[in-house]
Protein backbone atom coordinates (compact mmCIF):
# COMPACT_ATOMS: atom_id res chain seq x y z
CA MET A 1 53.38 34.02 -34.45
CA THR A 2 52.66 32.94 -38.01
CA HIS A 3 48.88 32.40 -38.54
CA HIS A 4 47.76 29.66 -40.31
CA GLU A 5 45.26 29.95 -42.38
CA PRO A 6 43.23 26.41 -42.87
CA SER A 7 43.76 24.31 -45.93
CA ASP A 8 40.77 24.00 -48.89
CA ASN A 9 40.77 20.16 -48.52
CA ARG A 10 40.38 20.54 -44.39
CA LEU A 11 37.61 22.89 -44.56
CA ILE A 12 36.24 20.33 -47.52
CA THR A 13 36.95 17.56 -45.30
CA SER A 14 35.18 19.35 -42.48
CA LYS A 15 32.17 20.37 -44.54
CA SER A 16 31.81 16.83 -45.35
CA THR A 17 32.20 15.04 -42.00
CA CYS A 18 29.30 17.67 -40.96
CA LYS A 19 26.84 16.50 -43.91
CA THR A 20 27.34 13.16 -42.92
CA GLU A 21 26.72 13.43 -39.61
CA ALA A 22 23.48 15.50 -40.58
CA ALA A 23 22.44 12.90 -42.46
CA SER A 24 23.39 10.20 -39.87
CA GLN A 25 20.59 11.66 -37.14
CA SER A 26 18.10 11.93 -40.28
CA SER A 27 18.30 8.70 -40.65
CA TYR A 28 17.80 7.81 -36.74
CA ARG A 29 14.93 10.55 -36.22
CA GLU A 30 12.68 9.17 -39.33
CA LYS A 31 12.23 6.07 -37.17
CA LEU A 32 10.98 8.13 -34.50
CA PRO A 33 7.20 8.36 -35.88
CA GLY A 34 7.01 5.00 -35.84
CA ILE A 35 7.65 4.73 -32.33
CA VAL A 36 5.18 6.75 -31.55
CA ASP A 37 2.35 4.96 -33.53
CA GLU A 38 3.89 1.99 -31.44
CA ILE A 39 3.50 3.99 -27.97
CA ILE A 40 -0.02 5.90 -29.02
CA HIS A 41 -1.15 1.45 -30.01
CA SER A 42 -0.13 0.34 -26.70
CA CYS A 43 -2.36 2.73 -25.10
CA THR A 44 -5.62 2.29 -26.59
CA ASN A 45 -5.78 -1.32 -24.24
CA ASP A 46 -6.50 -1.58 -20.55
CA ALA A 47 -2.83 -2.54 -20.37
CA CYS A 48 -1.51 1.22 -20.32
CA HIS A 49 -3.30 4.24 -18.12
CA THR A 50 -3.82 7.12 -19.77
CA HIS A 51 -6.25 10.16 -19.39
CA ILE A 52 -6.63 11.65 -23.05
CA ASP A 53 -9.41 13.42 -23.48
CA PHE A 54 -10.87 16.58 -24.28
CA HIS A 55 -11.35 17.91 -20.36
CA PRO A 56 -8.04 18.67 -18.23
CA ILE A 57 -7.08 16.58 -15.58
CA PHE A 58 -5.24 18.30 -11.95
CA SER A 59 -2.18 18.89 -11.97
CA LYS A 60 0.31 17.80 -9.07
CA GLU A 61 2.82 20.43 -9.76
CA LYS A 62 0.06 23.23 -9.34
CA LEU A 63 -1.47 21.38 -6.29
CA ILE A 64 2.37 21.83 -4.60
CA GLN A 65 2.44 25.19 -5.13
CA ILE A 66 -1.01 25.66 -3.82
CA ILE A 67 0.60 23.95 -0.52
CA TYR A 68 3.28 26.82 -0.42
CA LYS A 69 1.11 29.64 -0.61
CA LEU A 70 -1.13 28.27 1.79
CA ARG A 71 1.48 27.98 4.10
CA GLU A 72 2.11 32.13 3.54
CA VAL A 73 -1.78 32.50 4.44
CA ILE A 74 -1.24 30.31 7.68
CA PHE A 75 1.85 31.55 9.04
CA PRO A 76 1.85 35.09 7.65
CA GLY A 77 5.36 36.85 7.43
CA TYR A 78 7.21 33.61 7.59
CA PHE A 79 7.63 32.47 4.28
CA ASP A 80 6.42 35.60 1.86
CA SER A 81 9.03 36.43 -0.89
CA SER A 82 7.46 40.68 -0.03
CA LYS A 83 8.19 42.27 3.59
CA ILE A 84 4.87 41.78 4.76
CA ASP A 85 4.23 44.81 7.80
CA PRO A 86 0.72 45.85 9.83
CA VAL A 87 0.63 48.25 6.79
CA ASN A 88 0.52 46.21 4.38
CA LEU A 89 -0.82 43.28 5.64
CA SER A 90 -4.50 43.18 4.67
CA TYR A 91 -3.35 44.21 0.58
CA ALA A 92 -0.65 41.26 1.10
CA LEU A 93 -3.15 38.66 2.68
CA GLY A 94 -5.78 39.58 0.45
CA GLN A 95 -3.66 39.20 -2.61
CA ASP A 96 -2.67 35.69 -1.70
CA VAL A 97 -6.60 34.52 -0.72
CA SER A 98 -7.82 35.91 -4.01
CA VAL A 99 -4.87 33.92 -5.59
CA LEU A 100 -5.40 30.84 -3.65
CA PHE A 101 -9.24 31.05 -4.73
CA ASP A 102 -8.49 31.09 -8.91
CA GLN A 103 -5.83 28.51 -8.20
CA LEU A 104 -7.58 25.75 -6.12
CA SER A 105 -11.06 26.97 -7.23
CA GLU A 106 -9.95 25.22 -11.28
CA GLN A 107 -7.95 22.50 -9.41
CA VAL A 108 -10.85 21.53 -6.96
CA THR A 109 -13.24 21.87 -10.57
CA TYR A 110 -11.01 19.53 -12.38
CA SER A 111 -10.88 16.66 -9.48
CA ILE A 112 -14.99 17.01 -9.70
CA ARG A 113 -15.15 16.67 -13.12
CA HIS A 114 -12.52 14.15 -13.45
CA ASP A 115 -14.84 12.01 -11.00
CA CYS A 116 -18.13 12.57 -13.00
CA PHE A 117 -16.46 11.75 -16.18
CA ARG A 118 -14.69 8.31 -14.90
CA TYR A 119 -17.49 7.59 -12.82
CA ASP A 120 -20.56 8.21 -15.37
CA MET A 121 -22.37 10.68 -12.53
CA SER A 122 -25.18 12.42 -13.33
CA CYS A 123 -24.25 16.37 -14.08
CA GLN A 124 -23.02 17.97 -10.57
CA ASP A 125 -22.52 21.43 -11.70
CA CYS A 126 -18.62 21.01 -11.32
CA GLU A 127 -17.64 24.74 -11.96
CA LYS A 128 -20.03 25.80 -9.34
CA LEU A 129 -18.96 22.59 -7.14
CA GLY A 130 -15.47 23.95 -7.10
CA TYR A 131 -16.39 27.10 -6.75
CA GLU A 132 -18.18 26.82 -2.96
CA LYS A 133 -15.83 23.83 -1.52
CA THR A 134 -12.96 26.28 -1.91
CA LEU A 135 -14.80 29.19 -0.65
CA SER A 136 -15.78 26.90 2.28
CA PHE A 137 -12.00 25.79 2.71
CA LEU A 138 -10.93 29.58 2.91
CA SER A 139 -13.03 30.09 5.33
CA ALA A 140 -11.96 27.45 7.55
CA ILE A 141 -8.63 28.96 7.69
CA PRO A 142 -8.93 30.49 11.00
CA GLU A 143 -9.70 26.46 12.51
CA ILE A 144 -6.44 25.76 10.86
CA GLN A 145 -4.11 28.61 12.49
CA ARG A 146 -5.66 27.15 15.92
CA LEU A 147 -4.99 23.76 15.46
CA LEU A 148 -1.23 24.37 14.65
CA ALA A 149 -0.84 26.71 16.61
CA LEU A 150 -1.54 23.93 19.30
CA ASP A 151 0.41 21.67 17.69
CA VAL A 152 3.40 24.15 17.70
CA GLN A 153 2.88 24.66 21.29
CA ALA A 154 2.71 20.97 22.39
CA CYS A 155 5.81 20.89 20.37
CA LEU A 156 7.62 23.96 22.19
CA GLU A 157 6.45 22.47 25.60
CA GLY A 158 7.47 18.88 25.28
CA ASP A 159 10.92 19.40 23.55
CA PRO A 160 13.58 21.09 25.38
CA ALA A 161 15.83 20.99 21.82
CA ALA A 162 13.55 23.37 20.89
CA LYS A 163 14.27 27.34 21.49
CA SER A 164 11.26 29.06 20.03
CA PRO A 165 8.18 28.72 18.02
CA ASP A 166 9.71 30.01 15.05
CA GLU A 167 12.19 27.33 15.55
CA ILE A 168 9.45 24.61 14.79
CA ILE A 169 7.65 26.25 12.08
CA PHE A 170 10.73 27.26 9.93
CA CYS A 171 12.91 23.55 10.67
CA TYR A 172 10.40 20.57 12.41
CA PRO A 173 9.46 18.11 9.22
CA GLY A 174 6.28 16.73 11.51
CA ILE A 175 4.77 20.12 11.77
CA PHE A 176 5.32 20.26 7.84
CA ALA A 177 3.34 17.08 7.83
CA ILE A 178 0.83 17.68 9.94
CA MET A 179 0.56 21.05 8.32
CA VAL A 180 -0.22 19.83 4.91
CA TYR A 181 -2.60 16.80 6.49
CA ARG A 182 -4.80 19.65 8.20
CA MET A 183 -5.20 21.60 5.11
CA ALA A 184 -5.28 18.03 3.03
CA HIS A 185 -8.05 16.97 6.20
CA GLN A 186 -10.56 19.96 5.45
CA LEU A 187 -10.90 19.17 1.56
CA ASN A 188 -11.16 15.67 2.16
CA ASP A 189 -14.32 16.42 4.61
CA LEU A 190 -15.90 18.39 2.19
CA GLY A 191 -15.79 16.00 -0.18
CA VAL A 192 -13.39 16.75 -2.69
CA PRO A 193 -11.76 13.76 -4.80
CA PHE A 194 -8.02 13.22 -5.50
CA ILE A 195 -6.63 16.55 -4.15
CA PRO A 196 -6.26 15.66 -0.31
CA ARG A 197 -4.89 12.19 -1.19
CA ILE A 198 -1.88 14.10 -3.70
CA MET A 199 -1.14 16.94 -0.30
CA THR A 200 -0.32 14.24 2.06
CA GLU A 201 1.36 12.01 -0.23
CA TYR A 202 3.60 15.09 -1.07
CA ALA A 203 4.66 15.89 2.30
CA HIS A 204 4.99 11.79 2.58
CA GLY A 205 7.69 12.40 -0.16
CA GLN A 206 9.19 15.48 1.72
CA THR A 207 9.30 13.98 5.18
CA GLY A 208 9.03 10.66 5.54
CA ILE A 209 5.52 11.35 7.79
CA ASP A 210 2.89 9.56 5.85
CA ILE A 211 -0.62 10.46 7.02
CA HIS A 212 -4.33 9.78 5.36
CA PRO A 213 -6.35 12.73 5.23
CA GLY A 214 -9.32 10.67 6.69
CA ALA A 215 -7.65 10.40 9.52
CA GLU A 216 -9.08 12.06 12.46
CA ILE A 217 -6.75 14.24 14.71
CA GLY A 218 -7.08 15.96 17.44
CA GLU A 219 -5.55 19.69 19.16
CA GLY A 220 -1.98 19.46 20.18
CA PHE A 221 -0.36 16.94 18.00
CA VAL A 222 3.31 16.06 18.21
CA ILE A 223 5.40 14.24 15.93
CA ASP A 224 8.73 14.20 17.35
CA HIS A 225 11.52 13.76 14.67
CA GLY A 226 9.09 12.60 12.11
CA THR A 227 10.60 9.62 9.43
CA GLY A 228 9.10 6.58 8.86
CA VAL A 229 5.47 7.48 10.87
CA VAL A 230 2.50 5.61 8.92
CA ILE A 231 -1.23 6.94 10.06
CA GLY A 232 -4.20 5.02 8.82
CA GLU A 233 -6.78 6.31 7.25
CA THR A 234 -9.39 5.10 9.74
CA THR A 235 -6.96 6.04 12.61
CA PHE A 236 -8.53 8.59 15.79
CA ILE A 237 -6.26 10.40 17.43
CA GLY A 238 -7.46 12.65 20.73
CA ASN A 239 -5.53 15.60 22.28
CA GLN A 240 -2.59 15.86 23.19
CA VAL A 241 -0.71 12.88 21.80
CA ARG A 242 2.52 12.81 20.98
CA ILE A 243 4.54 10.11 18.55
CA TYR A 244 8.12 9.34 18.05
CA GLN A 245 9.94 8.12 14.77
CA GLY A 246 8.91 4.80 13.17
CA VAL A 247 5.66 4.58 14.73
CA THR A 248 2.51 2.76 12.82
CA LEU A 249 -1.01 3.54 13.17
CA GLY A 250 -2.32 0.83 11.01
CA ALA A 251 -4.49 -1.90 9.91
CA LEU A 252 -4.17 -6.19 10.15
CA SER A 253 -3.16 -8.07 7.44
CA LEU A 254 -5.78 -7.99 5.16
CA PRO A 255 -6.85 -10.62 2.44
CA ARG A 256 -6.82 -9.89 -1.79
CA ASN A 257 -10.46 -9.05 -1.88
CA ALA A 258 -10.43 -6.80 1.10
CA GLY A 259 -9.99 -3.37 -0.68
CA GLU A 260 -14.09 -3.63 -1.92
CA GLU A 261 -14.80 -5.40 1.69
CA LEU A 262 -13.46 -3.23 4.04
CA ARG A 263 -13.49 0.29 2.14
CA GLY A 264 -15.24 2.86 4.47
CA LYS A 265 -14.80 0.34 7.68
CA LYS A 266 -12.57 1.20 10.44
CA ARG A 267 -9.75 -0.50 10.30
CA HIS A 268 -6.94 1.63 12.16
CA PRO A 269 -6.41 2.47 15.84
CA THR A 270 -7.72 4.31 17.95
CA ILE A 271 -5.87 6.64 20.31
CA GLU A 272 -7.28 8.50 23.35
CA ASP A 273 -6.18 11.67 24.74
CA GLU A 274 -2.33 12.54 26.23
CA VAL A 275 -1.01 8.88 24.80
CA ILE A 276 3.14 8.95 24.04
CA ILE A 277 3.76 6.19 21.27
CA TYR A 278 7.85 5.79 21.59
CA SER A 279 9.74 4.93 18.38
CA GLY A 280 9.20 1.94 16.32
CA ALA A 281 5.93 0.84 18.00
CA THR A 282 3.15 -0.84 15.83
CA ILE A 283 -0.35 -0.68 16.64
CA LEU A 284 -3.09 -2.06 14.39
CA GLY A 285 -6.51 -2.90 14.19
CA GLY A 286 -9.42 -0.96 13.73
CA HIS A 287 -10.87 -2.48 17.28
CA THR A 288 -7.84 -1.44 19.21
CA ARG A 289 -8.00 1.40 21.58
CA ILE A 290 -4.83 2.97 23.73
CA GLY A 291 -6.75 4.35 26.59
CA ALA A 292 -6.23 7.89 27.71
CA ARG A 293 -2.31 8.60 29.50
CA SER A 294 -0.95 5.47 28.37
CA VAL A 295 2.55 5.19 27.76
CA ILE A 296 3.11 2.45 24.36
CA GLY A 297 7.12 1.96 24.81
CA GLY A 298 9.56 1.46 22.09
CA ASN A 299 9.71 -1.34 19.05
CA VAL A 300 6.30 -3.19 20.54
CA TRP A 301 3.80 -4.95 18.55
CA ILE A 302 0.12 -3.90 19.76
CA THR A 303 -3.35 -5.96 17.85
CA GLU A 304 -5.15 -5.70 21.46
CA SER A 305 -6.68 -2.31 23.23
CA VAL A 306 -4.76 -1.30 26.15
CA PRO A 307 -7.04 0.40 29.67
CA PRO A 308 -6.26 3.86 29.98
CA ASP A 309 -2.83 4.68 32.39
CA THR A 310 -0.95 2.01 31.07
CA THR A 311 2.22 1.89 30.86
CA VAL A 312 3.84 -1.15 27.92
CA LEU A 313 6.64 -2.39 27.29
CA LEU A 314 9.18 -4.86 26.08
CA ALA A 315 11.15 -6.99 28.25
CA LYS A 316 14.55 -6.08 29.12
CA PRO A 317 16.66 -7.83 26.63
CA GLN A 318 19.85 -9.63 27.11
CA LEU A 319 23.02 -8.14 25.64
CA ILE A 320 25.30 -10.32 24.47
CA TYR A 321 29.42 -9.20 23.98
CA LYS A 322 31.74 -11.34 21.83
């Protein structure tokens, strides 16, 4: 086969085309500084929300990493990238807790400092407070482990499809959402701003289960199947409660100015011990109380209290076949 070298004319044409394309790209890129100036100018007024300052803001990406590192500590041996055995358990957990302290205290400090600057608060010694709150949180991990163990056990006892606690811990979105809620609730109780809500909203995005970190949830809580569950900020849930997919524990419709008027007041229902709430049920209002051991059927709408030991069902629908 004869090899043909490109002619001089073809080389000249190719070089000419490359130079033309480079010059054309340059003419477009020259417009970028003007666009940048317009973006900066638009962010100097209230129409654009920015955080352009010399102090850093907390990082959602780092908080997500912290969630998964906490999961390794709460369920040792399940999610670790390296082998954990009885010999190296103390060393491995020591390393993880040390890393968590550094990572979480930084984010907690940033969140406290953000509030200080945003709301012109008096100095709170943010770094010291960040360390103290992080230590308090890490000290609460044994209690979080205890509660989650009861949640897993309640799920195992009530779900014939679950063959082992391992399956529940690895596979059930309800347990992941409850785990993140219990972490976030502890931080919320410690008065850490922003971070608890970022954590539960991440779990919401992963599972479709929306639990506000301010909600109070007792022992042995089960969310079966998950997806579409909403649990509002001032909800109180007792012990051994089971809910199914699509359940809403929410607030009644609020007027436009209700944000300031009702902030911090009870707006969501109270669910007493051993209640079962089936899929699609909606229970609304801060004065609404579902009595202990009651059963709420699927797709019901409740805005009034229900006495203990009561079953609430919709009338049997009439099916039409065509």
